[in-house]
Protein backbone atom coordinates (compact mmCIF):
# COMPACT_ATOMS: atom_id res chain seq x y z
CA UNK A 1 76.08 112.60 115.65
CA UNK A 2 79.05 110.14 115.62
CA UNK A 3 78.76 107.09 113.42
CA UNK A 4 79.99 103.61 114.87
CA UNK A 5 82.68 101.73 112.67
CA UNK A 6 83.34 98.31 113.41
CA UNK A 7 87.17 97.46 112.58
CA UNK A 8 88.38 94.03 112.18
CA UNK A 9 92.51 93.38 111.74
CA UNK A 10 94.38 90.56 110.35
CA UNK A 11 97.38 91.85 109.03
CA UNK A 12 98.85 95.39 109.59
CA UNK A 13 96.41 98.04 107.95
CA UNK A 14 97.41 101.41 109.55
CA UNK A 15 94.31 103.88 109.53
CA UNK A 16 94.59 106.56 107.21
CA UNK A 17 93.28 110.17 108.89
CA UNK A 18 93.54 114.05 108.03
CA UNK A 19 91.95 116.92 109.79
CA UNK A 20 89.69 118.67 107.61
CA UNK A 21 87.19 121.74 108.55
CA UNK A 22 83.66 120.96 109.14
CA UNK A 23 81.35 123.99 110.14
CA UNK A 24 81.43 123.99 113.67
CA UNK A 25 84.51 121.76 114.42
CA UNK A 26 87.58 120.03 112.87
CA UNK A 27 86.39 116.31 112.40
CA UNK A 28 88.67 113.34 111.72
CA UNK A 29 88.37 111.38 108.38
CA UNK A 30 89.00 107.64 108.56
CA UNK A 31 89.88 105.76 105.35
CA UNK A 32 86.85 102.84 104.60
CA UNK A 33 87.96 100.20 103.01
CA UNK A 34 87.42 100.05 99.13
CA UNK A 35 88.47 103.68 99.09
CA UNK A 36 91.52 104.72 97.60
CA UNK A 37 94.38 106.86 99.06
CA UNK A 38 96.32 109.57 97.17
CA UNK A 39 99.64 107.60 97.79
CA UNK A 40 97.61 104.54 96.13
CA UNK A 41 97.62 103.91 92.42
CA UNK A 42 94.88 101.54 91.17
CA UNK A 43 97.72 99.85 89.26
CA UNK A 44 97.38 95.88 90.13
CA UNK A 45 100.85 94.04 90.14
CA UNK A 46 100.75 90.16 90.99
CA UNK A 47 103.13 88.37 93.27
CA UNK A 48 103.20 84.75 94.55
CA UNK A 49 103.99 84.29 98.06
CA UNK A 50 107.36 82.44 99.36
CA UNK A 51 106.87 83.21 103.17
CA UNK A 52 104.06 83.27 105.43
CA UNK A 53 105.75 82.82 108.61
CA UNK A 54 103.12 84.64 111.27
CA UNK A 55 100.67 85.12 108.77
CA UNK A 56 99.20 81.44 107.77
CA UNK A 57 95.66 82.31 107.94
CA UNK A 58 96.29 85.57 105.65
CA UNK A 59 98.68 84.44 103.32
CA UNK A 60 99.14 80.85 101.18
CA UNK A 61 102.60 79.55 100.53
CA UNK A 62 102.80 79.70 96.34
CA UNK A 63 99.67 81.42 95.95
CA UNK A 64 99.60 84.58 93.25
CA UNK A 65 98.02 87.76 95.33
CA UNK A 66 97.15 90.86 94.10
CA UNK A 67 99.67 93.64 95.13
CA UNK A 68 98.23 97.54 95.50
CA UNK A 69 100.95 100.28 94.79
CA UNK A 70 101.42 102.27 98.09
CA UNK A 71 104.32 104.48 98.05
CA UNK A 72 104.12 104.79 101.97
CA UNK A 73 104.42 101.18 102.65
CA UNK A 74 107.14 100.60 100.32
CA UNK A 75 109.13 103.28 102.04
CA UNK A 76 108.82 100.99 105.12
CA UNK A 77 109.68 97.64 102.89
CA UNK A 78 106.26 96.74 103.08
CA UNK A 79 103.45 96.09 100.41
CA UNK A 80 99.63 96.27 100.37
CA UNK A 81 98.47 92.94 99.22
CA UNK A 82 95.16 91.78 98.95
CA UNK A 83 95.13 88.56 101.10
CA UNK A 84 93.06 85.79 101.89
CA UNK A 85 90.24 87.66 103.99
CA UNK A 86 89.30 89.84 100.41
CA UNK A 87 91.08 93.15 102.00
CA UNK A 88 94.27 94.86 101.50
CA UNK A 89 96.85 94.76 104.19
CA UNK A 90 100.38 95.53 104.95
CA UNK A 91 102.59 92.63 104.73
CA UNK A 92 106.60 92.60 104.58
CA UNK A 93 108.42 92.71 101.06
CA UNK A 94 110.21 89.89 101.30
CA UNK A 95 106.81 87.67 101.74
CA UNK A 96 106.15 87.85 98.03
CA UNK A 97 108.04 88.07 94.74
CA UNK A 98 106.65 89.80 91.91
CA UNK A 99 105.58 87.91 88.65
CA UNK A 100 105.11 88.45 85.04
CA UNK A 101 102.71 86.55 83.47
CA UNK A 102 101.35 86.86 79.87
CA UNK A 103 98.44 89.37 79.66
CA UNK A 104 95.47 86.84 78.82
CA UNK A 105 96.58 84.67 82.34
CA UNK A 106 96.92 88.25 84.04
CA UNK A 107 93.13 89.39 83.03
CA UNK A 108 92.03 86.16 83.96
CA UNK A 109 93.50 86.28 87.33
CA UNK A 110 92.19 89.52 87.95
CA UNK A 111 88.61 89.32 86.52
CA UNK A 112 88.48 86.49 89.00
CA UNK A 113 89.63 88.56 92.11
């Protein structure tokens, strides 16, 4: 029996799929939000948005965002950012700048996310 999945996008989040064998057939495995890819580590960086052209509802200028490491995205000058929707999407790297904060401030920001 096939399962229906409702997908909604505000940024550019490509689905990750790979084929795996089942008892009778080859099936498609689709990433569901919240699960991690093999190419994405749990290391979180902080960055401030400096440009949001074309993504005004998803990114706010001068706001701090959590950036998740995604080696495939970085090869294409994109970053995986947890945006205003609370989900992670790909955005151009030039839209944000990495920031270094004192450890106590960093912990507070990550705890509030």
